[in-house]
């Protein structure tokens, strides 16, 4: 990929982000205060190793991730992932719905189309040229979650992904048994959270069992956090690394907004 094309890819990510942020600004400026507020949140991540939604797979190089979420009971949550070389990695357009919410139990469902990008090398007239190809997927999810006590919850997550004709995988089943420990106080301002999980992955009949967990250090006064994520193979028939780890710097914010008049 030429330097010019890399710059064009980076400009695409920046343009999409600015458009969404601009629409958020218009919501705030033209709000109808008689209606209940919805939420807008965003995060930007820089990591030394991009790890996928299914953590068995990683980019294997530094990456940037932009995640947005807007809505209330129904949310639209686009995700844009790219290598720091300027090459696109994936675009995922989540639509999620909070089906049930009580003091102790939550049940969410969702679906998304996705594009996964891959760089291949073709030889044309004796010259090697990099070409970016894309594979299309469509996925659905369901995620029941039970709150044991304040800052401690356990849940199950199931994702099914269907690859389109040109995709390398046809049917993917991803099932996790997960837990979440949040707001573990370290000092007056600093806190820790972590979310260990064991998951089962089946791709076109080949399967494996894995352990993964994220560890996040954050400060109540600042929107920047430090996160490390690990993934360890327990048993698998799939081609994957035995152990994957990354370290990420995350900037995030969360705001309420009101619908435009």
C-alpha atoms as a PDB file:
ATOM      1  CA  UNK A   1       0.000   0.000   0.000  1.00  0.00           C
ATOM      2  CA  UNK A   2       1.434   3.433  -0.934  1.00  0.00           C
ATOM      3  CA  UNK A   3       1.874   6.234   1.604  1.00  0.00           C
ATOM      4  CA  UNK A   4      -0.900   8.160  -0.168  1.00  0.00           C
ATOM      5  CA  UNK A   5      -3.351   5.283   0.198  1.00  0.00           C
ATOM      6  CA  UNK A   6      -2.445   4.894   3.861  1.00  0.00           C
ATOM      7  CA  UNK A   7      -3.201   8.559   4.415  1.00  0.00           C
ATOM      8  CA  UNK A   8      -6.522   8.182   2.623  1.00  0.00           C
ATOM      9  CA  UNK A   9      -7.482   5.304   4.954  1.00  0.00           C
ATOM     10  CA  UNK A  10      -6.607   7.354   8.013  1.00  0.00           C
ATOM     11  CA  UNK A  11      -8.592  10.300   6.654  1.00  0.00           C
ATOM     12  CA  UNK A  12     -11.602   8.003   6.213  1.00  0.00           C
ATOM     13  CA  UNK A  13     -11.534   6.978   9.897  1.00  0.00           C
ATOM     14  CA  UNK A  14     -11.141  10.581  11.044  1.00  0.00           C
ATOM     15  CA  UNK A  15     -13.962  11.785   8.779  1.00  0.00           C
ATOM     16  CA  UNK A  16     -16.414   9.161  10.039  1.00  0.00           C
ATOM     17  CA  UNK A  17     -15.586   9.998  13.648  1.00  0.00           C
ATOM     18  CA  UNK A  18     -15.949  13.742  13.138  1.00  0.00           C
ATOM     19  CA  UNK A  19     -19.313  13.281  11.407  1.00  0.00           C
ATOM     20  CA  UNK A  20     -20.681  11.300  14.340  1.00  0.00           C
ATOM     21  CA  UNK A  21     -19.290  13.753  16.887  1.00  0.00           C
ATOM     22  CA  UNK A  22     -20.801  16.623  14.903  1.00  0.00           C
ATOM     23  CA  UNK A  23     -24.228  14.991  14.999  1.00  0.00           C
ATOM     24  CA  UNK A  24     -23.854  14.597  18.767  1.00  0.00           C
ATOM     25  CA  UNK A  25     -23.067  18.312  19.064  1.00  0.00           C
ATOM     26  CA  UNK A  26     -26.225  19.187  17.118  1.00  0.00           C
ATOM     27  CA  UNK A  27     -28.290  17.022  19.456  1.00  0.00           C
ATOM     28  CA  UNK A  28     -27.004  18.979  22.423  1.00  0.00           C
ATOM     29  CA  UNK A  29     -27.569  22.370  20.810  1.00  0.00           C
ATOM     30  CA  UNK A  30     -31.137  21.709  19.631  1.00  0.00           C
ATOM     31  CA  UNK A  31     -32.446  19.603  22.484  1.00  0.00           C
ATOM     32  CA  UNK A  32     -36.095  19.230  23.412  1.00  0.00           C
ATOM     33  CA  UNK A  33     -35.906  19.384  27.210  1.00  0.00           C
ATOM     34  CA  UNK A  34     -39.375  17.846  27.627  1.00  0.00           C
ATOM     35  CA  UNK A  35     -38.067  14.421  26.552  1.00  0.00           C
ATOM     36  CA  UNK A  36     -35.979  11.957  28.544  1.00  0.00           C
ATOM     37  CA  UNK A  37     -32.251  11.924  27.739  1.00  0.00           C
ATOM     38  CA  UNK A  38     -30.380   9.248  25.832  1.00  0.00           C
ATOM     39  CA  UNK A  39     -26.671   8.591  25.986  1.00  0.00           C
ATOM     40  CA  UNK A  40     -23.697   9.141  23.733  1.00  0.00           C
ATOM     41  CA  UNK A  41     -20.384   7.519  24.561  1.00  0.00           C
ATOM     42  CA  UNK A  42     -17.136   7.125  22.690  1.00  0.00           C
ATOM     43  CA  UNK A  43     -13.707   5.662  23.234  1.00  0.00           C
ATOM     44  CA  UNK A  44     -10.438   5.797  21.339  1.00  0.00           C
ATOM     45  CA  UNK A  45      -7.853   3.083  21.959  1.00  0.00           C
ATOM     46  CA  UNK A  46      -4.202   2.756  21.019  1.00  0.00           C
ATOM     47  CA  UNK A  47      -2.741  -0.708  21.608  1.00  0.00           C
ATOM     48  CA  UNK A  48       0.497  -2.541  20.891  1.00  0.00           C
ATOM     49  CA  UNK A  49      -1.458  -5.569  19.602  1.00  0.00           C
ATOM     50  CA  UNK A  50      -4.993  -5.407  18.239  1.00  0.00           C
ATOM     51  CA  UNK A  51      -7.176  -8.203  19.662  1.00  0.00           C
ATOM     52  CA  UNK A  52     -10.440  -9.119  17.950  1.00  0.00           C
ATOM     53  CA  UNK A  53     -13.987  -9.321  19.361  1.00  0.00           C
ATOM     54  CA  UNK A  54     -13.271 -13.057  19.519  1.00  0.00           C
ATOM     55  CA  UNK A  55      -9.950 -12.891  21.404  1.00  0.00           C
ATOM     56  CA  UNK A  56      -8.558 -16.071  19.826  1.00  0.00           C
ATOM     57  CA  UNK A  57      -7.615 -13.826  16.904  1.00  0.00           C
ATOM     58  CA  UNK A  58      -5.321 -10.821  16.949  1.00  0.00           C
ATOM     59  CA  UNK A  59      -3.869  -8.423  14.421  1.00  0.00           C
ATOM     60  CA  UNK A  60      -0.332  -9.081  15.647  1.00  0.00           C
ATOM     61  CA  UNK A  61       0.684  -5.441  15.347  1.00  0.00           C
ATOM     62  CA  UNK A  62      -0.140  -2.021  16.880  1.00  0.00           C
ATOM     63  CA  UNK A  63      -3.696  -0.865  16.238  1.00  0.00           C
ATOM     64  CA  UNK A  64      -6.186   1.911  16.833  1.00  0.00           C
ATOM     65  CA  UNK A  65      -9.820   1.331  17.760  1.00  0.00           C
ATOM     66  CA  UNK A  66     -12.682   3.834  17.748  1.00  0.00           C
ATOM     67  CA  UNK A  67     -15.940   2.777  19.409  1.00  0.00           C
ATOM     68  CA  UNK A  68     -19.128   4.841  19.535  1.00  0.00           C
ATOM     69  CA  UNK A  69     -22.513   4.226  21.151  1.00  0.00           C
ATOM     70  CA  UNK A  70     -25.691   6.284  20.972  1.00  0.00           C
ATOM     71  CA  UNK A  71     -29.234   5.677  22.082  1.00  0.00           C
ATOM     72  CA  UNK A  72     -31.147   4.570  25.140  1.00  0.00           C
ATOM     73  CA  UNK A  73     -33.003   1.258  25.098  1.00  0.00           C
ATOM     74  CA  UNK A  74     -31.925   0.675  21.507  1.00  0.00           C
ATOM     75  CA  UNK A  75     -28.335   1.663  20.771  1.00  0.00           C
ATOM     76  CA  UNK A  76     -26.278   1.995  17.613  1.00  0.00           C
ATOM     77  CA  UNK A  77     -22.643   1.088  18.317  1.00  0.00           C
ATOM     78  CA  UNK A  78     -20.227   1.309  15.373  1.00  0.00           C
ATOM     79  CA  UNK A  79     -16.656   0.109  15.819  1.00  0.00           C
ATOM     80  CA  UNK A  80     -13.744   1.051  13.559  1.00  0.00           C
ATOM     81  CA  UNK A  81     -10.453  -0.840  13.867  1.00  0.00           C
ATOM     82  CA  UNK A  82      -7.247  -0.193  11.938  1.00  0.00           C
ATOM     83  CA  UNK A  83      -3.540  -0.857  12.126  1.00  0.00           C
ATOM     84  CA  UNK A  84      -1.285   2.074  12.957  1.00  0.00           C
ATOM     85  CA  UNK A  85       0.252   1.594   9.508  1.00  0.00           C
ATOM     86  CA  UNK A  86      -2.966   3.137   8.183  1.00  0.00           C
ATOM     87  CA  UNK A  87      -4.548  -0.084   6.910  1.00  0.00           C
ATOM     88  CA  UNK A  88      -8.182  -0.857   7.809  1.00  0.00           C
ATOM     89  CA  UNK A  89      -8.734  -3.910  10.000  1.00  0.00           C
ATOM     90  CA  UNK A  90     -12.498  -4.140  10.522  1.00  0.00           C
ATOM     91  CA  UNK A  91     -15.750  -2.173  10.542  1.00  0.00           C
ATOM     92  CA  UNK A  92     -18.514  -3.497  12.798  1.00  0.00           C
ATOM     93  CA  UNK A  93     -21.934  -1.804  12.940  1.00  0.00           C
ATOM     94  CA  UNK A  94     -23.698  -3.042  16.072  1.00  0.00           C
ATOM     95  CA  UNK A  95     -27.377  -2.549  16.788  1.00  0.00           C
ATOM     96  CA  UNK A  96     -28.225  -3.546  20.372  1.00  0.00           C
ATOM     97  CA  UNK A  97     -31.483  -3.693  22.320  1.00  0.00           C
ATOM     98  CA  UNK A  98     -31.963  -3.853  26.094  1.00  0.00           C
ATOM     99  CA  UNK A  99     -34.678  -6.499  26.159  1.00  0.00           C
ATOM    100  CA  UNK A 100     -35.013  -6.793  29.935  1.00  0.00           C
ATOM    101  CA  UNK A 101     -33.585  -4.791  32.828  1.00  0.00           C
ATOM    102  CA  UNK A 102     -34.261  -5.269  36.551  1.00  0.00           C
ATOM    103  CA  UNK A 103     -32.283  -4.532  39.709  1.00  0.00           C
ATOM    104  CA  UNK A 104     -30.592  -7.935  39.466  1.00  0.00           C
ATOM    105  CA  UNK A 105     -30.937  -9.187  35.904  1.00  0.00           C
ATOM    106  CA  UNK A 106     -30.233  -7.763  32.441  1.00  0.00           C
ATOM    107  CA  UNK A 107     -30.891  -9.344  29.053  1.00  0.00           C
ATOM    108  CA  UNK A 108     -29.521  -7.729  25.893  1.00  0.00           C
ATOM    109  CA  UNK A 109     -29.678  -8.805  22.267  1.00  0.00           C
ATOM    110  CA  UNK A 110     -27.882  -7.473  19.212  1.00  0.00           C
ATOM    111  CA  UNK A 111     -26.857  -7.935  15.603  1.00  0.00           C
ATOM    112  CA  UNK A 112     -24.309  -6.488  13.229  1.00  0.00           C
ATOM    113  CA  UNK A 113     -22.941  -6.585   9.704  1.00  0.00           C
ATOM    114  CA  UNK A 114     -19.154  -6.495   9.558  1.00  0.00           C
ATOM    115  CA  UNK A 115     -16.319  -6.068   7.102  1.00  0.00           C
ATOM    116  CA  UNK A 116     -12.986  -7.732   7.878  1.00  0.00           C
ATOM    117  CA  UNK A 117     -10.059  -6.456   5.821  1.00  0.00           C
ATOM    118  CA  UNK A 118      -7.004  -8.410   4.771  1.00  0.00           C
ATOM    119  CA  UNK A 119      -3.910  -7.332   2.849  1.00  0.00           C
ATOM    120  CA  UNK A 120      -2.653  -9.686   0.142  1.00  0.00           C
ATOM    121  CA  UNK A 121       0.268  -9.331  -2.258  1.00  0.00           C
ATOM    122  CA  UNK A 122      -0.246  -9.715  -6.000  1.00  0.00           C
ATOM    123  CA  UNK A 123       2.506  -9.694  -8.598  1.00  0.00           C
ATOM    124  CA  UNK A 124       1.668  -7.539 -11.626  1.00  0.00           C
ATOM    125  CA  UNK A 125       4.233  -7.317 -14.449  1.00  0.00           C
ATOM    126  CA  UNK A 126       6.925  -8.554 -12.093  1.00  0.00           C
ATOM    127  CA  UNK A 127       6.102  -5.957  -9.436  1.00  0.00           C
ATOM    128  CA  UNK A 128       4.638  -6.926  -6.046  1.00  0.00           C
ATOM    129  CA  UNK A 129       1.629  -4.823  -5.103  1.00  0.00           C
ATOM    130  CA  UNK A 130      -0.369  -4.866  -1.876  1.00  0.00           C
ATOM    131  CA  UNK A 131      -4.138  -5.148  -2.306  1.00  0.00           C
ATOM    132  CA  UNK A 132      -6.668  -4.779   0.509  1.00  0.00           C
ATOM    133  CA  UNK A 133      -9.520  -7.283   0.275  1.00  0.00           C
ATOM    134  CA  UNK A 134     -12.626  -7.513   2.458  1.00  0.00           C
ATOM    135  CA  UNK A 135     -14.748 -10.344   3.816  1.00  0.00           C
ATOM    136  CA  UNK A 136     -18.377  -9.847   4.882  1.00  0.00           C
ATOM    137  CA  UNK A 137     -20.010 -11.304   7.965  1.00  0.00           C
ATOM    138  CA  UNK A 138     -23.345 -11.000   9.734  1.00  0.00           C
ATOM    139  CA  UNK A 139     -23.635 -11.829  13.436  1.00  0.00           C
ATOM    140  CA  UNK A 140     -26.239 -11.975  16.197  1.00  0.00           C
ATOM    141  CA  UNK A 141     -25.747 -12.039  19.961  1.00  0.00           C
ATOM    142  CA  UNK A 142     -27.591 -12.610  23.233  1.00  0.00           C
ATOM    143  CA  UNK A 143     -26.149 -11.717  26.645  1.00  0.00           C
ATOM    144  CA  UNK A 144     -27.976 -12.441  29.921  1.00  0.00           C
ATOM    145  CA  UNK A 145     -26.241 -10.969  32.963  1.00  0.00           C
ATOM    146  CA  UNK A 146     -26.959 -11.425  36.680  1.00  0.00           C
ATOM    147  CA  UNK A 147     -25.810  -8.896  39.299  1.00  0.00           C
ATOM    148  CA  UNK A 148     -24.604 -10.697  42.425  1.00  0.00           C
ATOM    149  CA  UNK A 149     -23.923  -7.532  44.372  1.00  0.00           C
ATOM    150  CA  UNK A 150     -22.690  -4.010  43.751  1.00  0.00           C
ATOM    151  CA  UNK A 151     -19.776  -4.079  41.275  1.00  0.00           C
ATOM    152  CA  UNK A 152     -19.906  -7.874  40.827  1.00  0.00           C
ATOM    153  CA  UNK A 153     -21.830  -9.674  38.075  1.00  0.00           C
ATOM    154  CA  UNK A 154     -21.776 -12.957  36.168  1.00  0.00           C
ATOM    155  CA  UNK A 155     -23.201 -13.774  32.768  1.00  0.00           C
ATOM    156  CA  UNK A 156     -23.308 -15.768  29.580  1.00  0.00           C
ATOM    157  CA  UNK A 157     -22.577 -14.391  26.123  1.00  0.00           C
ATOM    158  CA  UNK A 158     -23.399 -16.126  22.839  1.00  0.00           C
ATOM    159  CA  UNK A 159     -22.491 -14.866  19.370  1.00  0.00           C
ATOM    160  CA  UNK A 160     -23.252 -16.571  16.068  1.00  0.00           C
ATOM    161  CA  UNK A 161     -21.519 -15.294  12.948  1.00  0.00           C
ATOM    162  CA  UNK A 162     -22.373 -16.219   9.361  1.00  0.00           C
ATOM    163  CA  UNK A 163     -19.746 -15.629   6.709  1.00  0.00           C
ATOM    164  CA  UNK A 164     -20.768 -14.472   3.269  1.00  0.00           C
ATOM    165  CA  UNK A 165     -19.650 -16.290   0.118  1.00  0.00           C
ATOM    166  CA  UNK A 166     -16.145 -14.865  -0.015  1.00  0.00           C
ATOM    167  CA  UNK A 167     -15.431 -15.308   3.714  1.00  0.00           C
ATOM    168  CA  UNK A 168     -12.851 -17.758   5.036  1.00  0.00           C
ATOM    169  CA  UNK A 169     -15.262 -19.128   7.686  1.00  0.00           C
ATOM    170  CA  UNK A 170     -18.919 -19.999   7.201  1.00  0.00           C
ATOM    171  CA  UNK A 171     -20.391 -20.639  10.674  1.00  0.00           C
ATOM    172  CA  UNK A 172     -18.893 -19.403  13.943  1.00  0.00           C
ATOM    173  CA  UNK A 173     -20.245 -20.093  17.441  1.00  0.00           C
ATOM    174  CA  UNK A 174     -18.722 -18.143  20.344  1.00  0.00           C
ATOM    175  CA  UNK A 175     -19.991 -18.854  23.893  1.00  0.00           C
ATOM    176  CA  UNK A 176     -18.575 -17.371  27.098  1.00  0.00           C
ATOM    177  CA  UNK A 177     -19.077 -17.809  30.827  1.00  0.00           C
ATOM    178  CA  UNK A 178     -17.991 -14.441  32.138  1.00  0.00           C
ATOM    179  CA  UNK A 179     -17.721 -12.369  35.279  1.00  0.00           C
ATOM    180  CA  UNK A 180     -17.126  -8.705  35.932  1.00  0.00           C
ATOM    181  CA  UNK A 181     -15.501  -7.087  38.960  1.00  0.00           C
ATOM    182  CA  UNK A 182     -15.616  -3.302  38.738  1.00  0.00           C
ATOM    183  CA  UNK A 183     -14.702  -0.279  40.844  1.00  0.00           C
ATOM    184  CA  UNK A 184     -12.178  -2.100  43.038  1.00  0.00           C
ATOM    185  CA  UNK A 185     -10.787   0.764  45.100  1.00  0.00           C
ATOM    186  CA  UNK A 186      -6.997   1.111  45.210  1.00  0.00           C
ATOM    187  CA  UNK A 187      -6.724   4.693  46.467  1.00  0.00           C
ATOM    188  CA  UNK A 188      -9.120   7.603  46.816  1.00  0.00           C
ATOM    189  CA  UNK A 189      -8.997   8.245  43.058  1.00  0.00           C
ATOM    190  CA  UNK A 190      -7.665   5.077  41.431  1.00  0.00           C
ATOM    191  CA  UNK A 191      -9.666   1.915  40.915  1.00  0.00           C
ATOM    192  CA  UNK A 192      -9.272  -1.410  39.156  1.00  0.00           C
ATOM    193  CA  UNK A 193     -11.665  -3.593  37.196  1.00  0.00           C
ATOM    194  CA  UNK A 194     -11.249  -6.986  35.576  1.00  0.00           C
ATOM    195  CA  UNK A 195     -13.476  -9.386  33.661  1.00  0.00           C
ATOM    196  CA  UNK A 196     -12.231 -13.005  33.503  1.00  0.00           C
ATOM    197  CA  UNK A 197     -14.040 -15.435  31.235  1.00  0.00           C
ATOM    198  CA  UNK A 198     -13.842 -18.980  29.889  1.00  0.00           C
ATOM    199  CA  UNK A 199     -15.141 -19.423  26.357  1.00  0.00           C
ATOM    200  CA  UNK A 200     -15.864 -22.070  23.753  1.00  0.00           C
ATOM    201  CA  UNK A 201     -15.258 -21.351  20.068  1.00  0.00           C
ATOM    202  CA  UNK A 202     -16.459 -23.469  17.134  1.00  0.00           C
ATOM    203  CA  UNK A 203     -15.620 -22.490  13.555  1.00  0.00           C
ATOM    204  CA  UNK A 204     -16.977 -24.776  10.844  1.00  0.00           C
ATOM    205  CA  UNK A 205     -16.714 -27.861  13.074  1.00  0.00           C
ATOM    206  CA  UNK A 206     -13.277 -27.179  14.563  1.00  0.00           C
ATOM    207  CA  UNK A 207     -13.382 -26.005  18.156  1.00  0.00           C
ATOM    208  CA  UNK A 208     -11.437 -24.940  21.216  1.00  0.00           C
ATOM    209  CA  UNK A 209     -11.697 -23.785  24.829  1.00  0.00           C
ATOM    210  CA  UNK A 210      -9.893 -20.665  26.051  1.00  0.00           C
ATOM    211  CA  UNK A 211      -9.448 -18.341  29.017  1.00  0.00           C
ATOM    212  CA  UNK A 212      -9.240 -14.569  28.673  1.00  0.00           C
ATOM    213  CA  UNK A 213      -9.381 -11.519  30.907  1.00  0.00           C
ATOM    214  CA  UNK A 214      -9.029  -7.773  30.756  1.00  0.00           C
ATOM    215  CA  UNK A 215      -7.463  -5.717  33.556  1.00  0.00           C
ATOM    216  CA  UNK A 216      -8.149  -1.976  33.637  1.00  0.00           C
ATOM    217  CA  UNK A 217      -6.606   0.730  35.822  1.00  0.00           C
ATOM    218  CA  UNK A 218      -8.541   4.004  35.846  1.00  0.00           C
ATOM    219  CA  UNK A 219      -8.794   7.317  37.684  1.00  0.00           C
ATOM    220  CA  UNK A 220     -12.137   8.842  38.678  1.00  0.00           C
ATOM    221  CA  UNK A 221     -10.967  12.342  37.724  1.00  0.00           C
ATOM    222  CA  UNK A 222      -9.557  11.600  34.267  1.00  0.00           C
ATOM    223  CA  UNK A 223     -11.017   9.981  31.122  1.00  0.00           C
ATOM    224  CA  UNK A 224      -7.827   8.035  30.354  1.00  0.00           C
ATOM    225  CA  UNK A 225      -7.330   4.433  31.480  1.00  0.00           C
ATOM    226  CA  UNK A 226      -4.673   1.755  31.069  1.00  0.00           C
ATOM    227  CA  UNK A 227      -5.745  -1.754  30.113  1.00  0.00           C
ATOM    228  CA  UNK A 228      -4.051  -5.100  29.592  1.00  0.00           C
ATOM    229  CA  UNK A 229      -5.769  -8.088  27.988  1.00  0.00           C
ATOM    230  CA  UNK A 230      -4.652 -11.725  27.942  1.00  0.00           C
ATOM    231  CA  UNK A 231      -5.905 -14.806  26.092  1.00  0.00           C
ATOM    232  CA  UNK A 232      -4.717 -18.354  26.890  1.00  0.00           C
ATOM    233  CA  UNK A 233      -5.515 -21.546  25.006  1.00  0.00           C
ATOM    234  CA  UNK A 234      -6.800 -24.404  27.177  1.00  0.00           C
ATOM    235  CA  UNK A 235      -7.513 -26.951  24.420  1.00  0.00           C
ATOM    236  CA  UNK A 236      -8.094 -26.378  20.713  1.00  0.00           C
ATOM    237  CA  UNK A 237      -8.211 -27.855  17.212  1.00  0.00           C
ATOM    238  CA  UNK A 238      -8.073 -24.370  15.702  1.00  0.00           C
ATOM    239  CA  UNK A 239      -4.957 -22.678  14.403  1.00  0.00           C
ATOM    240  CA  UNK A 240      -4.250 -20.014  17.020  1.00  0.00           C
ATOM    241  CA  UNK A 241      -1.512 -18.715  19.296  1.00  0.00           C
ATOM    242  CA  UNK A 242      -1.183 -20.373  22.688  1.00  0.00           C
ATOM    243  CA  UNK A 243      -0.942 -17.033  24.506  1.00  0.00           C
ATOM    244  CA  UNK A 244      -1.787 -13.495  23.414  1.00  0.00           C
ATOM    245  CA  UNK A 245      -1.379 -10.295  25.410  1.00  0.00           C
ATOM    246  CA  UNK A 246      -1.644  -6.585  24.807  1.00  0.00           C
ATOM    247  CA  UNK A 247      -1.435  -3.241  26.604  1.00  0.00           C
ATOM    248  CA  UNK A 248      -3.777  -0.408  25.636  1.00  0.00           C
ATOM    249  CA  UNK A 249      -4.254   3.277  26.392  1.00  0.00           C
ATOM    250  CA  UNK A 250      -7.935   4.275  26.283  1.00  0.00           C
ATOM    251  CA  UNK A 251      -9.603   7.689  26.176  1.00  0.00           C
ATOM    252  CA  UNK A 252     -13.356   7.615  26.794  1.00  0.00           C
ATOM    253  CA  UNK A 253     -16.291   9.858  27.586  1.00  0.00           C
ATOM    254  CA  UNK A 254     -20.000   9.480  28.232  1.00  0.00           C
ATOM    255  CA  UNK A 255     -22.633  12.198  27.855  1.00  0.00           C
ATOM    256  CA  UNK A 256     -26.412  12.481  27.996  1.00  0.00           C
ATOM    257  CA  UNK A 257     -28.268  14.193  25.161  1.00  0.00           C
ATOM    258  CA  UNK A 258     -31.853  15.061  24.306  1.00  0.00           C
ATOM    259  CA  UNK A 259     -33.627  14.446  20.961  1.00  0.00           C
ATOM    260  CA  UNK A 260     -33.646  17.306  18.446  1.00  0.00           C
ATOM    261  CA  UNK A 261     -36.832  19.393  18.424  1.00  0.00           C
END
